């Protein structure tokens, strides 16, 4: 038997979505980590394009 959850008010929905974006958005630790990895990969590809694998 499934348990039904209470409906959220608009204020609660906004608050919870804002909290989620704080953690998963680009300014969060997760987002900054992904950005750093992408930046490193781009730098490696540019290096390979100019100087090859040597």
PDB file of N, CA and C in Angstrom:
ATOM      1  N   UNK A   1       0.842  -1.174   0.000  1.00  0.00           N
ATOM      2  CA  UNK A   1       0.000   0.000   0.000  1.00  0.00           C
ATOM      3  C   UNK A   1       0.891   1.242   0.000  1.00  0.00           C
ATOM      4  N   UNK A   2       0.666   2.126  -0.929  1.00  0.00           N
ATOM      5  CA  UNK A   2       1.473   3.335  -1.065  1.00  0.00           C
ATOM      6  C   UNK A   2       0.997   4.392  -0.076  1.00  0.00           C
ATOM      7  N   UNK A   3       1.958   5.121   0.459  1.00  0.00           N
ATOM      8  CA  UNK A   3       1.648   6.213   1.385  1.00  0.00           C
ATOM      9  C   UNK A   3       1.628   7.512   0.594  1.00  0.00           C
ATOM     10  N   UNK A   4       0.582   8.287   0.748  1.00  0.00           N
ATOM     11  CA  UNK A   4       0.468   9.561   0.024  1.00  0.00           C
ATOM     12  C   UNK A   4       1.135  10.655   0.827  1.00  0.00           C
ATOM     13  N   UNK A   5       1.844  11.513   0.128  1.00  0.00           N
ATOM     14  CA  UNK A   5       2.492  12.641   0.769  1.00  0.00           C
ATOM     15  C   UNK A   5       1.606  13.873   0.675  1.00  0.00           C
ATOM     16  N   UNK A   6       1.766  14.744   1.635  1.00  0.00           N
ATOM     17  CA  UNK A   6       0.982  15.979   1.633  1.00  0.00           C
ATOM     18  C   UNK A   6       1.460  16.894   0.506  1.00  0.00           C
ATOM     19  N   UNK A   7       0.538  17.647  -0.054  1.00  0.00           N
ATOM     20  CA  UNK A   7       0.875  18.598  -1.105  1.00  0.00           C
ATOM     21  C   UNK A   7       1.707  19.733  -0.523  1.00  0.00           C
ATOM     22  N   UNK A   8       2.673  20.217  -1.316  1.00  0.00           N
ATOM     23  CA  UNK A   8       3.504  21.335  -0.884  1.00  0.00           C
ATOM     24  C   UNK A   8       2.880  22.646  -1.327  1.00  0.00           C
ATOM     25  N   UNK A   9       3.076  23.664  -0.531  1.00  0.00           N
ATOM     26  CA  UNK A   9       2.630  24.997  -0.938  1.00  0.00           C
ATOM     27  C   UNK A   9       3.636  25.558  -1.945  1.00  0.00           C
ATOM     28  N   UNK A  10       3.265  26.642  -2.595  1.00  0.00           N
ATOM     29  CA  UNK A  10       4.174  27.261  -3.561  1.00  0.00           C
ATOM     30  C   UNK A  10       5.448  27.741  -2.888  1.00  0.00           C
ATOM     31  N   UNK A  11       5.338  28.249  -1.676  1.00  0.00           N
ATOM     32  CA  UNK A  11       6.515  28.729  -0.949  1.00  0.00           C
ATOM     33  C   UNK A  11       7.454  27.578  -0.620  1.00  0.00           C
ATOM     34  N   UNK A  12       6.882  26.437  -0.217  1.00  0.00           N
ATOM     35  CA  UNK A  12       7.714  25.269   0.096  1.00  0.00           C
ATOM     36  C   UNK A  12       8.394  24.730  -1.159  1.00  0.00           C
ATOM     37  N   UNK A  13       7.668  24.680  -2.275  1.00  0.00           N
ATOM     38  CA  UNK A  13       8.264  24.219  -3.533  1.00  0.00           C
ATOM     39  C   UNK A  13       9.431  25.110  -3.941  1.00  0.00           C
ATOM     40  N   UNK A  14       9.235  26.416  -3.826  1.00  0.00           N
ATOM     41  CA  UNK A  14      10.286  27.364  -4.188  1.00  0.00           C
ATOM     42  C   UNK A  14      11.500  27.185  -3.284  1.00  0.00           C
ATOM     43  N   UNK A  15      11.257  27.048  -1.982  1.00  0.00           N
ATOM     44  CA  UNK A  15      12.359  26.904  -1.034  1.00  0.00           C
ATOM     45  C   UNK A  15      13.165  25.631  -1.306  1.00  0.00           C
ATOM     46  N   UNK A  16      12.474  24.524  -1.525  1.00  0.00           N
ATOM     47  CA  UNK A  16      13.182  23.263  -1.769  1.00  0.00           C
ATOM     48  C   UNK A  16      13.916  23.270  -3.106  1.00  0.00           C
ATOM     49  N   UNK A  17      13.328  23.890  -4.131  1.00  0.00           N
ATOM     50  CA  UNK A  17      14.018  23.950  -5.421  1.00  0.00           C
ATOM     51  C   UNK A  17      15.249  24.850  -5.321  1.00  0.00           C
ATOM     52  N   UNK A  18      15.148  25.925  -4.541  1.00  0.00           N
ATOM     53  CA  UNK A  18      16.300  26.806  -4.351  1.00  0.00           C
ATOM     54  C   UNK A  18      17.424  26.085  -3.605  1.00  0.00           C
ATOM     55  N   UNK A  19      17.072  25.304  -2.605  1.00  0.00           N
ATOM     56  CA  UNK A  19      18.085  24.542  -1.876  1.00  0.00           C
ATOM     57  C   UNK A  19      18.756  23.507  -2.774  1.00  0.00           C
ATOM     58  N   UNK A  20      17.983  22.864  -3.645  1.00  0.00           N
ATOM     59  CA  UNK A  20      18.554  21.883  -4.561  1.00  0.00           C
ATOM     60  C   UNK A  20      19.512  22.549  -5.543  1.00  0.00           C
ATOM     61  N   UNK A  21      19.159  23.719  -6.053  1.00  0.00           N
ATOM     62  CA  UNK A  21      20.028  24.400  -7.001  1.00  0.00           C
ATOM     63  C   UNK A  21      21.300  24.917  -6.334  1.00  0.00           C
ATOM     64  N   UNK A  22      21.225  25.218  -5.046  1.00  0.00           N
ATOM     65  CA  UNK A  22      22.433  25.629  -4.345  1.00  0.00           C
ATOM     66  C   UNK A  22      23.450  24.509  -4.321  1.00  0.00           C
ATOM     67  N   UNK A  23      22.998  23.272  -4.209  1.00  0.00           N
ATOM     68  CA  UNK A  23      23.919  22.149  -4.131  1.00  0.00           C
ATOM     69  C   UNK A  23      24.309  21.639  -5.513  1.00  0.00           C
ATOM     70  N   UNK A  24      23.380  21.599  -6.452  1.00  0.00           N
ATOM     71  CA  UNK A  24      23.649  20.998  -7.753  1.00  0.00           C
ATOM     72  C   UNK A  24      23.904  22.010  -8.860  1.00  0.00           C
ATOM     73  N   UNK A  25      23.758  23.282  -8.612  1.00  0.00           N
ATOM     74  CA  UNK A  25      23.986  24.287  -9.644  1.00  0.00           C
ATOM     75  C   UNK A  25      25.472  24.472  -9.929  1.00  0.00           C
ATOM     76  N   UNK A  26      25.797  25.359 -10.869  1.00  0.00           N
ATOM     77  CA  UNK A  26      27.196  25.562 -11.257  1.00  0.00           C
ATOM     78  C   UNK A  26      28.021  26.215 -10.162  1.00  0.00           C
ATOM     79  N   UNK A  27      27.391  26.924  -9.225  1.00  0.00           N
ATOM     80  CA  UNK A  27      28.127  27.556  -8.141  1.00  0.00           C
ATOM     81  C   UNK A  27      28.332  26.657  -6.945  1.00  0.00           C
ATOM     82  N   UNK A  28      27.883  25.422  -7.025  1.00  0.00           N
ATOM     83  CA  UNK A  28      27.995  24.488  -5.911  1.00  0.00           C
ATOM     84  C   UNK A  28      29.303  23.715  -5.993  1.00  0.00           C
ATOM     85  N   UNK A  29      29.665  22.983  -4.948  1.00  0.00           N
ATOM     86  CA  UNK A  29      30.871  22.156  -5.013  1.00  0.00           C
ATOM     87  C   UNK A  29      30.816  21.117  -6.143  1.00  0.00           C
ATOM     88  N   UNK A  30      29.650  20.550  -6.374  1.00  0.00           N
ATOM     89  CA  UNK A  30      29.502  19.560  -7.448  1.00  0.00           C
ATOM     90  C   UNK A  30      29.693  20.233  -8.805  1.00  0.00           C
ATOM     91  N   UNK A  31      29.031  21.365  -9.009  1.00  0.00           N
ATOM     92  CA  UNK A  31      29.139  22.076 -10.284  1.00  0.00           C
ATOM     93  C   UNK A  31      30.542  22.585 -10.544  1.00  0.00           C
ATOM     94  N   UNK A  32      31.200  23.111  -9.516  1.00  0.00           N
ATOM     95  CA  UNK A  32      32.566  23.602  -9.690  1.00  0.00           C
ATOM     96  C   UNK A  32      33.535  22.456  -9.988  1.00  0.00           C
ATOM     97  N   UNK A  33      33.304  21.301  -9.385  1.00  0.00           N
ATOM     98  CA  UNK A  33      34.146  20.136  -9.671  1.00  0.00           C
ATOM     99  C   UNK A  33      34.002  19.685 -11.115  1.00  0.00           C
ATOM    100  N   UNK A  34      32.775  19.648 -11.608  1.00  0.00           N
ATOM    101  CA  UNK A  34      32.548  19.279 -13.009  1.00  0.00           C
ATOM    102  C   UNK A  34      33.190  20.306 -13.932  1.00  0.00           C
ATOM    103  N   UNK A  35      33.057  21.584 -13.596  1.00  0.00           N
ATOM    104  CA  UNK A  35      33.660  22.647 -14.397  1.00  0.00           C
ATOM    105  C   UNK A  35      35.179  22.504 -14.444  1.00  0.00           C
ATOM    106  N   UNK A  36      35.798  22.186 -13.310  1.00  0.00           N
ATOM    107  CA  UNK A  36      37.254  22.018 -13.273  1.00  0.00           C
ATOM    108  C   UNK A  36      37.685  20.839 -14.151  1.00  0.00           C
ATOM    109  N   UNK A  37      36.935  19.745 -14.114  1.00  0.00           N
ATOM    110  CA  UNK A  37      37.262  18.595 -14.964  1.00  0.00           C
ATOM    111  C   UNK A  37      37.129  18.952 -16.448  1.00  0.00           C
ATOM    112  N   UNK A  38      36.075  19.659 -16.805  1.00  0.00           N
ATOM    113  CA  UNK A  38      35.894  20.055 -18.205  1.00  0.00           C
ATOM    114  C   UNK A  38      36.985  21.013 -18.660  1.00  0.00           C
ATOM    115  N   UNK A  39      37.391  21.907 -17.787  1.00  0.00           N
ATOM    116  CA  UNK A  39      38.460  22.844 -18.116  1.00  0.00           C
ATOM    117  C   UNK A  39      39.784  22.101 -18.334  1.00  0.00           C
ATOM    118  N   UNK A  40      40.086  21.132 -17.493  1.00  0.00           N
ATOM    119  CA  UNK A  40      41.296  20.329 -17.656  1.00  0.00           C
ATOM    120  C   UNK A  40      41.273  19.514 -18.941  1.00  0.00           C
ATOM    121  N   UNK A  41      40.114  18.933 -19.257  1.00  0.00           N
ATOM    122  CA  UNK A  41      39.993  18.155 -20.491  1.00  0.00           C
ATOM    123  C   UNK A  41      40.177  19.047 -21.714  1.00  0.00           C
ATOM    124  N   UNK A  42      39.613  20.251 -21.674  1.00  0.00           N
ATOM    125  CA  UNK A  42      39.773  21.175 -22.804  1.00  0.00           C
ATOM    126  C   UNK A  42      41.239  21.570 -22.956  1.00  0.00           C
ATOM    127  N   UNK A  43      41.926  21.822 -21.860  1.00  0.00           N
ATOM    128  CA  UNK A  43      43.341  22.179 -21.926  1.00  0.00           C
ATOM    129  C   UNK A  43      44.168  21.027 -22.499  1.00  0.00           C
ATOM    130  N   UNK A  44      43.850  19.796 -22.102  1.00  0.00           N
ATOM    131  CA  UNK A  44      44.578  18.640 -22.617  1.00  0.00           C
ATOM    132  C   UNK A  44      44.340  18.474 -24.119  1.00  0.00           C
ATOM    133  N   UNK A  45      43.111  18.675 -24.575  1.00  0.00           N
ATOM    134  CA  UNK A  45      42.814  18.540 -26.005  1.00  0.00           C
ATOM    135  C   UNK A  45      43.504  19.622 -26.825  1.00  0.00           C
ATOM    136  N   UNK A  46      43.559  20.833 -26.290  1.00  0.00           N
ATOM    137  CA  UNK A  46      44.260  21.903 -26.997  1.00  0.00           C
ATOM    138  C   UNK A  46      45.748  21.610 -27.077  1.00  0.00           C
ATOM    139  N   UNK A  47      46.329  21.098 -26.006  1.00  0.00           N
ATOM    140  CA  UNK A  47      47.751  20.734 -26.008  1.00  0.00           C
ATOM    141  C   UNK A  47      48.032  19.644 -27.047  1.00  0.00           C
ATOM    142  N   UNK A  48      47.179  18.637 -27.102  1.00  0.00           N
ATOM    143  CA  UNK A  48      47.360  17.549 -28.069  1.00  0.00           C
ATOM    144  C   UNK A  48      47.211  18.079 -29.489  1.00  0.00           C
ATOM    145  N   UNK A  49      46.295  19.019 -29.707  1.00  0.00           N
ATOM    146  CA  UNK A  49      46.080  19.569 -31.042  1.00  0.00           C
ATOM    147  C   UNK A  49      47.297  20.328 -31.532  1.00  0.00           C
ATOM    148  N   UNK A  50      48.003  21.021 -30.649  1.00  0.00           N
ATOM    149  CA  UNK A  50      49.149  21.823 -31.060  1.00  0.00           C
ATOM    150  C   UNK A  50      50.463  21.040 -31.058  1.00  0.00           C
ATOM    151  N   UNK A  51      50.686  20.206 -30.064  1.00  0.00           N
ATOM    152  CA  UNK A  51      51.978  19.534 -29.927  1.00  0.00           C
ATOM    153  C   UNK A  51      51.911  18.021 -30.078  1.00  0.00           C
ATOM    154  N   UNK A  52      50.761  17.453 -30.280  1.00  0.00           N
ATOM    155  CA  UNK A  52      50.637  16.012 -30.439  1.00  0.00           C
ATOM    156  C   UNK A  52      50.793  15.277 -29.126  1.00  0.00           C
ATOM    157  N   UNK A  53      50.999  13.973 -29.206  1.00  0.00           N
ATOM    158  CA  UNK A  53      51.091  13.145 -27.999  1.00  0.00           C
ATOM    159  C   UNK A  53      52.475  13.153 -27.386  1.00  0.00           C
ATOM    160  N   UNK A  54      53.449  13.695 -28.047  1.00  0.00           N
ATOM    161  CA  UNK A  54      54.819  13.647 -27.579  1.00  0.00           C
ATOM    162  C   UNK A  54      55.080  14.515 -26.386  1.00  0.00           C
TER     163      UNK A  54
END
